[in-house]
Amino acid sequence: MEYFIIVNPTAGGNNGRKVWPQIEQYLKKKNISYRAYFTEYDGHAVSIAMRILDQITATNHPDAIIIATGGDGTLHETILGCMRFYAEHPQIKDPRVPVGLLPIGSGNDFARALKIPRHWKKALHDIFECQVPTKIHIGHFINHDLSTDGYFLNNFGIGLDATVVYLANHSLLKHHKQFSGFSYWVSVLHAIQTVQPFELTVTHPNGTIHTYSKAFLVTVTNHPYFGGGIDIVPRASVYKDQLDLVIVEKPTYRQILLFIFMLLLKRHLHLRFVHHFSETHFELKTKKARYGQIDGEELGHKTYNASYETKDYPFWIKKTDNSQL
């Protein structure tokens, strides 16, 4: 087995740069065959993953595994590169090269959903113990206005959560690790006060259309967590061929407090201003521009006219109890 490792040195506040020497020493001690590739800018892991697959395909490598070493963003880019490569080479059939994860970022919601250990040594141990890949469902969206598409491992958000991402990313405190948590919550409070409700139209698989005139938070999620561990849809699963759509209509301040309380009890989906759907595919459309985010990365301030579904990809992970769902 040979491991092609994509390392993001800046993941988790430069945690990648700190822990990689330890990981490399461990790999050499265990006589593990590997090649390391380091990202140098946003989006670099996409092209690295495509280049790795090109090398593997050219040499007909029989036992290759790609390992994303970083946070949710690094894994997102790695999978995006893999999906683009296979889309450009439709003649290549299964087995596709599986992807593993060493979660050394700050959020790590995908690792949390798959119960991947947070410590790199334990995560590596599980990777080495793995014998066969597990097919995991990931989100796929098609932007009908631009005729483009993309993928998400965690979630796709419009409104409140996306505004929080935008504000946090542009905060002066973002690059000060000791204030990063404070900066995030300042962004949350600011977003709650400033985000204006917007009209959202949902088209369901059976053709039924629902319109929400006061949408405030819209999240299409692939697993239970978003925002660094918030359990937004407790029963969501990457092993199901479904995506979960959560729509929160503009709440009053009293309802916000109620939502937070019910969120802690995992009963928030029963509130009358919260709407939840689990479906194989659906379409979302907005009339007014709002901030969007995908796996914690900014999508900009624009309108949305997109359809959502799942695709699968093989992951090199230790199977959990719910992996047979």
Protein backbone atom coordinates (compact mmCIF):
# COMPACT_ATOMS: atom_id res chain seq x y z
CA MET A 1 0.00 0.00 0.00
CA GLU A 2 1.24 3.49 -0.85
CA TYR A 3 -0.21 6.65 0.66
CA PHE A 4 -0.37 9.93 -1.24
CA ILE A 5 -0.66 12.56 1.50
CA ILE A 6 -1.96 16.07 0.85
CA VAL A 7 -0.86 18.30 3.74
CA ASN A 8 -2.29 21.73 4.50
CA PRO A 9 0.40 23.45 6.63
CA THR A 10 -1.95 26.26 7.68
CA ALA A 11 -4.83 24.00 8.82
CA GLY A 12 -5.99 24.60 12.37
CA GLY A 13 -4.04 27.83 12.82
CA ASN A 14 -0.79 26.44 11.35
CA ASN A 15 -1.30 23.15 13.20
CA GLY A 16 -0.43 21.28 10.00
CA ARG A 17 3.02 22.84 9.94
CA LYS A 18 3.55 21.87 13.59
CA VAL A 19 2.42 18.24 13.50
CA TRP A 20 3.68 17.16 10.07
CA PRO A 21 7.27 16.49 11.29
CA GLN A 22 5.81 14.17 13.94
CA ILE A 23 3.62 12.41 11.37
CA GLU A 24 6.54 12.02 8.98
CA GLN A 25 8.76 10.60 11.72
CA TYR A 26 6.03 8.11 12.64
CA LEU A 27 5.58 7.02 9.00
CA LYS A 28 9.31 6.44 8.58
CA LYS A 29 9.48 4.52 11.86
CA LYS A 30 6.68 2.22 10.64
CA ASN A 31 8.32 1.85 7.19
CA ILE A 32 5.20 3.18 5.49
CA SER A 33 5.47 3.96 1.78
CA TYR A 34 4.20 7.49 1.18
CA ARG A 35 4.53 10.66 -0.88
CA ALA A 36 3.76 14.08 0.61
CA TYR A 37 2.34 17.10 -1.20
CA PHE A 38 1.93 20.50 0.49
CA THR A 39 -0.74 23.07 -0.31
CA GLU A 40 0.45 26.63 -0.85
CA TYR A 41 -2.78 28.55 -1.48
CA ASP A 42 -6.57 28.23 -1.32
CA GLY A 43 -7.80 25.65 -3.82
CA HIS A 44 -4.37 24.06 -4.26
CA ALA A 45 -5.52 20.67 -2.94
CA VAL A 46 -7.92 20.43 -5.90
CA SER A 47 -5.13 20.47 -8.48
CA ILE A 48 -2.86 18.32 -6.29
CA ALA A 49 -5.53 15.60 -6.03
CA MET A 50 -6.05 15.67 -9.80
CA ARG A 51 -2.29 15.43 -10.40
CA ILE A 52 -1.99 12.51 -7.98
CA LEU A 53 -4.80 10.61 -9.72
CA ASP A 54 -3.18 11.31 -13.07
CA GLN A 55 0.08 9.78 -11.77
CA ILE A 56 -1.70 6.78 -10.26
CA THR A 57 -3.65 6.14 -13.46
CA ALA A 58 -0.60 6.51 -15.70
CA THR A 59 1.36 3.93 -13.68
CA ASN A 60 -1.67 1.68 -13.07
CA HIS A 61 -0.89 1.78 -9.35
CA PRO A 62 -2.84 -1.09 -7.72
CA ASP A 63 -2.75 -0.06 -4.04
CA ALA A 64 -2.93 3.71 -3.69
CA ILE A 65 -4.70 5.74 -1.02
CA ILE A 66 -5.01 9.53 -0.90
CA ILE A 67 -4.96 11.05 2.59
CA ALA A 68 -6.16 14.61 3.17
CA THR A 69 -4.29 16.08 6.14
CA GLY A 70 -6.05 19.21 7.31
CA GLY A 71 -9.55 20.37 8.15
CA ASP A 72 -12.91 20.29 6.40
CA GLY A 73 -11.64 22.72 3.76
CA THR A 74 -8.68 20.54 2.81
CA LEU A 75 -10.87 17.45 2.54
CA HIS A 76 -13.45 19.41 0.53
CA GLU A 77 -10.80 20.45 -2.00
CA THR A 78 -9.33 16.94 -2.17
CA ILE A 79 -12.70 15.34 -2.92
CA LEU A 80 -13.52 18.10 -5.41
CA GLY A 81 -10.27 17.34 -7.24
CA CYS A 82 -11.06 13.62 -7.29
CA MET A 83 -14.61 14.14 -8.57
CA ARG A 84 -13.38 16.51 -11.29
CA PHE A 85 -10.69 14.06 -12.38
CA TYR A 86 -13.13 11.19 -12.80
CA ALA A 87 -15.66 13.48 -14.53
CA GLU A 88 -12.95 14.39 -17.05
CA HIS A 89 -12.00 10.71 -17.47
CA PRO A 90 -15.34 8.87 -17.76
CA GLN A 91 -13.57 5.87 -19.27
CA ILE A 92 -12.10 5.09 -15.83
CA LYS A 93 -14.52 2.90 -13.93
CA ASP A 94 -14.47 1.63 -10.35
CA PRO A 95 -12.49 1.04 -8.30
CA ARG A 96 -11.78 4.73 -7.81
CA VAL A 97 -8.85 5.66 -5.57
CA PRO A 98 -10.19 6.00 -2.00
CA VAL A 99 -9.58 8.97 0.27
CA GLY A 100 -8.68 8.96 3.96
CA LEU A 101 -8.55 11.83 6.45
CA LEU A 102 -6.20 13.05 9.17
CA PRO A 103 -8.31 15.76 10.86
CA ILE A 104 -5.92 18.45 12.08
CA GLY A 105 -8.09 21.48 11.27
CA SER A 106 -10.22 23.65 13.52
CA GLY A 107 -13.78 22.52 12.69
CA ASN A 108 -13.51 18.88 11.61
CA ASP A 109 -17.27 18.33 11.33
CA PHE A 110 -16.85 15.56 8.76
CA ALA A 111 -14.43 13.68 11.00
CA ARG A 112 -16.89 14.11 13.85
CA ALA A 113 -19.70 12.64 11.75
CA LEU A 114 -17.61 9.60 10.78
CA LYS A 115 -16.15 9.20 14.28
CA ILE A 116 -12.60 9.63 12.99
CA PRO A 117 -10.23 10.18 15.96
CA ARG A 118 -9.08 13.78 16.40
CA HIS A 119 -5.52 12.76 17.30
CA TRP A 120 -3.50 12.14 14.15
CA LYS A 121 -1.78 9.02 15.50
CA LYS A 122 -5.09 7.31 16.32
CA ALA A 123 -6.53 8.38 12.97
CA LEU A 124 -3.48 6.96 11.17
CA HIS A 125 -3.83 3.70 13.09
CA ASP A 126 -7.42 3.35 11.85
CA ILE A 127 -6.28 4.08 8.29
CA PHE A 128 -3.61 1.37 8.48
CA GLU A 129 -6.13 -1.09 9.97
CA CYS A 130 -8.65 -0.50 7.18
CA GLN A 131 -8.95 -3.32 4.64
CA VAL A 132 -11.59 -2.17 2.17
CA PRO A 133 -13.05 1.24 1.26
CA THR A 134 -16.50 2.35 2.39
CA LYS A 135 -18.76 4.25 0.03
CA ILE A 136 -19.84 7.54 1.57
CA HIS A 137 -22.54 9.83 0.21
CA ILE A 138 -21.56 13.43 -0.46
CA GLY A 139 -23.67 16.37 -1.56
CA HIS A 140 -23.76 17.46 -5.19
CA PHE A 141 -25.33 20.70 -6.39
CA ILE A 142 -25.97 22.14 -9.85
CA ASN A 143 -26.17 25.91 -10.31
CA HIS A 144 -28.74 26.31 -13.08
CA ASP A 145 -28.01 30.01 -13.66
CA LEU A 146 -24.30 29.46 -14.31
CA SER A 147 -24.45 25.84 -15.57
CA THR A 148 -21.82 24.84 -13.01
CA ASP A 149 -21.76 22.24 -10.27
CA GLY A 150 -19.90 21.41 -7.09
CA TYR A 151 -19.72 19.07 -4.11
CA PHE A 152 -19.99 19.35 -0.35
CA LEU A 153 -19.10 16.91 2.40
CA ASN A 154 -20.73 18.81 5.26
CA ASN A 155 -23.29 21.39 4.22
CA PHE A 156 -24.40 24.13 1.87
CA GLY A 157 -25.83 27.18 3.61
CA ILE A 158 -27.69 30.35 2.64
CA GLY A 159 -28.46 33.18 5.04
CA LEU A 160 -27.44 33.24 8.70
CA ASP A 161 -24.69 30.61 8.82
CA ALA A 162 -23.16 31.84 5.56
CA THR A 163 -23.18 35.42 6.86
CA VAL A 164 -21.37 34.23 9.99
CA VAL A 165 -18.73 32.61 7.77
CA TYR A 166 -18.32 35.84 5.81
CA LEU A 167 -18.07 38.05 8.91
CA ALA A 168 -15.68 35.68 10.70
CA ASN A 169 -13.41 35.39 7.65
CA HIS A 170 -13.20 39.17 7.32
CA SER A 171 -12.76 39.86 11.02
CA LEU A 172 -9.55 41.60 12.10
CA LEU A 173 -9.26 38.98 14.85
CA LYS A 174 -9.36 35.99 12.48
CA HIS A 175 -5.58 35.49 12.37
CA HIS A 176 -5.14 35.85 16.14
CA LYS A 177 -5.62 32.31 17.43
CA GLN A 178 -6.27 33.41 21.02
CA PHE A 179 -9.23 35.51 19.83
CA SER A 180 -10.60 33.23 17.10
CA GLY A 181 -13.39 31.80 19.28
CA PHE A 182 -14.39 35.26 20.48
CA SER A 183 -14.38 36.53 16.90
CA TYR A 184 -16.72 33.71 15.84
CA TRP A 185 -19.34 34.51 18.48
CA VAL A 186 -19.12 38.24 17.75
CA SER A 187 -19.87 37.33 14.12
CA VAL A 188 -22.84 35.18 15.20
CA LEU A 189 -24.38 38.03 17.22
CA HIS A 190 -23.76 40.52 14.43
CA ALA A 191 -25.32 38.20 11.84
CA ILE A 192 -28.44 37.59 13.97
CA GLN A 193 -29.00 41.34 14.17
CA THR A 194 -28.30 42.17 10.52
CA VAL A 195 -29.51 39.26 8.35
CA GLN A 196 -32.80 40.14 6.70
CA PRO A 197 -35.38 37.44 5.88
CA PHE A 198 -35.68 36.38 2.26
CA GLU A 199 -38.07 34.42 0.06
CA LEU A 200 -37.09 30.80 -0.59
CA THR A 201 -38.83 28.43 -2.99
CA VAL A 202 -38.36 24.68 -2.50
CA THR A 203 -39.29 22.13 -5.17
CA HIS A 204 -39.58 18.62 -3.75
CA PRO A 205 -39.05 15.27 -5.59
CA ASN A 206 -42.80 14.77 -6.12
CA GLY A 207 -43.13 18.20 -7.72
CA THR A 208 -44.66 19.88 -4.66
CA ILE A 209 -43.54 23.49 -4.29
CA HIS A 210 -43.25 25.32 -0.95
CA THR A 211 -42.45 29.01 -0.62
CA TYR A 212 -41.13 30.53 2.61
CA SER A 213 -41.35 34.33 2.69
CA LYS A 214 -39.24 34.81 5.82
CA ALA A 215 -36.35 32.35 5.42
CA PHE A 216 -33.49 33.24 7.77
CA LEU A 217 -31.22 30.20 7.89
CA VAL A 218 -31.19 27.58 5.12
CA THR A 219 -28.91 24.58 5.41
CA VAL A 220 -28.58 21.54 3.17
CA THR A 221 -26.61 19.07 5.27
CA ASN A 222 -25.01 15.70 4.59
CA HIS A 223 -24.61 14.66 8.24
CA PRO A 224 -25.66 15.85 11.72
CA TYR A 225 -23.13 18.62 12.31
CA PHE A 226 -22.40 22.14 11.18
CA GLY A 227 -20.59 25.17 12.55
CA GLY A 228 -17.94 23.17 14.39
CA GLY A 229 -20.04 20.55 16.17
CA ILE A 230 -23.59 21.95 16.31
CA ASP A 231 -25.99 18.98 16.02
CA ILE A 232 -28.38 20.50 13.50
CA VAL A 233 -29.96 17.21 12.23
CA PRO A 234 -29.26 14.41 14.75
CA ARG A 235 -30.49 11.59 12.48
CA ALA A 236 -28.70 12.68 9.30
CA SER A 237 -26.14 10.20 7.97
CA VAL A 238 -23.48 10.07 5.26
CA TYR A 239 -24.48 6.42 4.75
CA LYS A 240 -27.98 7.33 3.54
CA ASP A 241 -28.80 8.36 -0.01
CA GLN A 242 -30.50 11.49 1.30
CA LEU A 243 -29.76 15.10 2.10
CA ASP A 244 -31.41 16.99 4.95
CA LEU A 245 -32.85 20.46 4.39
CA VAL A 246 -33.39 22.73 7.39
CA ILE A 247 -35.18 26.07 7.01
CA VAL A 248 -35.46 28.44 9.95
CA GLU A 249 -37.83 31.35 9.44
CA LYS A 250 -36.95 34.75 10.94
CA PRO A 251 -37.37 34.27 14.71
CA THR A 252 -38.06 36.84 17.41
CA TYR A 253 -35.40 37.29 20.09
CA ARG A 254 -37.50 35.13 22.42
CA GLN A 255 -37.71 32.43 19.73
CA ILE A 256 -33.93 32.60 19.26
CA LEU A 257 -33.47 31.76 22.94
CA LEU A 258 -36.05 28.97 22.61
CA PHE A 259 -34.26 27.64 19.51
CA ILE A 260 -30.91 27.54 21.35
CA PHE A 261 -32.50 25.76 24.33
CA MET A 262 -34.25 23.20 22.12
CA LEU A 263 -31.05 22.76 20.09
CA LEU A 264 -29.28 21.64 23.26
CA LEU A 265 -32.08 19.11 23.82
CA LYS A 266 -32.01 18.06 20.13
CA ARG A 267 -35.70 18.98 19.88
CA HIS A 268 -35.35 22.11 17.74
CA LEU A 269 -36.70 20.49 14.57
CA HIS A 270 -40.16 20.36 16.20
CA LEU A 271 -40.45 24.15 16.54
CA ARG A 272 -43.15 25.76 14.37
CA PHE A 273 -40.72 28.20 12.72
CA VAL A 274 -38.30 25.37 11.81
CA HIS A 275 -38.91 23.15 8.76
CA HIS A 276 -37.04 19.92 8.08
CA PHE A 277 -37.03 17.58 5.08
CA SER A 278 -35.00 14.42 4.32
CA GLU A 279 -35.05 13.77 0.58
CA THR A 280 -33.00 12.27 -2.24
CA HIS A 281 -33.09 15.50 -4.24
CA PHE A 282 -34.73 18.92 -4.33
CA GLU A 283 -34.34 22.43 -5.77
CA LEU A 284 -33.87 25.77 -4.00
CA LYS A 285 -34.40 29.22 -5.46
CA THR A 286 -34.04 32.71 -3.97
CA LYS A 287 -35.01 36.08 -5.44
CA LYS A 288 -32.78 38.31 -3.32
CA ALA A 289 -29.01 38.02 -3.00
CA ARG A 290 -27.75 36.50 0.24
CA TYR A 291 -24.42 35.17 1.47
CA GLY A 292 -23.77 31.48 0.83
CA GLN A 293 -21.23 28.99 2.12
CA ILE A 294 -20.14 25.49 1.21
CA ASP A 295 -18.23 23.43 3.77
CA GLY A 296 -17.33 26.67 5.55
CA GLU A 297 -16.00 28.40 2.43
CA GLU A 298 -17.58 31.60 1.11
CA LEU A 299 -19.75 31.50 -2.02
CA GLY A 300 -20.31 35.24 -2.17
CA HIS A 301 -23.41 37.44 -2.04
CA LYS A 302 -25.83 36.37 -4.78
CA THR A 303 -29.13 34.73 -5.67
CA TYR A 304 -29.44 30.95 -5.85
CA ASN A 305 -31.16 28.64 -8.32
CA ALA A 306 -29.79 25.17 -7.72
CA SER A 307 -30.69 21.50 -7.42
CA TYR A 308 -29.22 19.15 -4.83
CA GLU A 309 -28.63 15.40 -4.76
CA THR A 310 -26.07 12.89 -3.49
CA LYS A 311 -23.16 11.14 -5.14
CA ASP A 312 -20.92 8.52 -3.58
CA TYR A 313 -17.16 8.22 -3.21
CA PRO A 314 -14.98 5.52 -1.59
CA PHE A 315 -13.38 6.52 1.72
CA TRP A 316 -10.58 4.68 3.48
CA ILE A 317 -12.07 4.73 6.98
CA LYS A 318 -12.77 2.42 9.86
CA LYS A 319 -16.38 1.29 9.66
CA THR A 320 -18.71 2.49 12.41
CA ASP A 321 -21.86 0.87 13.76
CA ASN A 322 -24.14 2.91 11.48
CA SER A 323 -22.11 2.40 8.31
CA GLN A 324 -24.54 -0.25 7.12
CA LEU A 325 -27.55 2.09 7.11
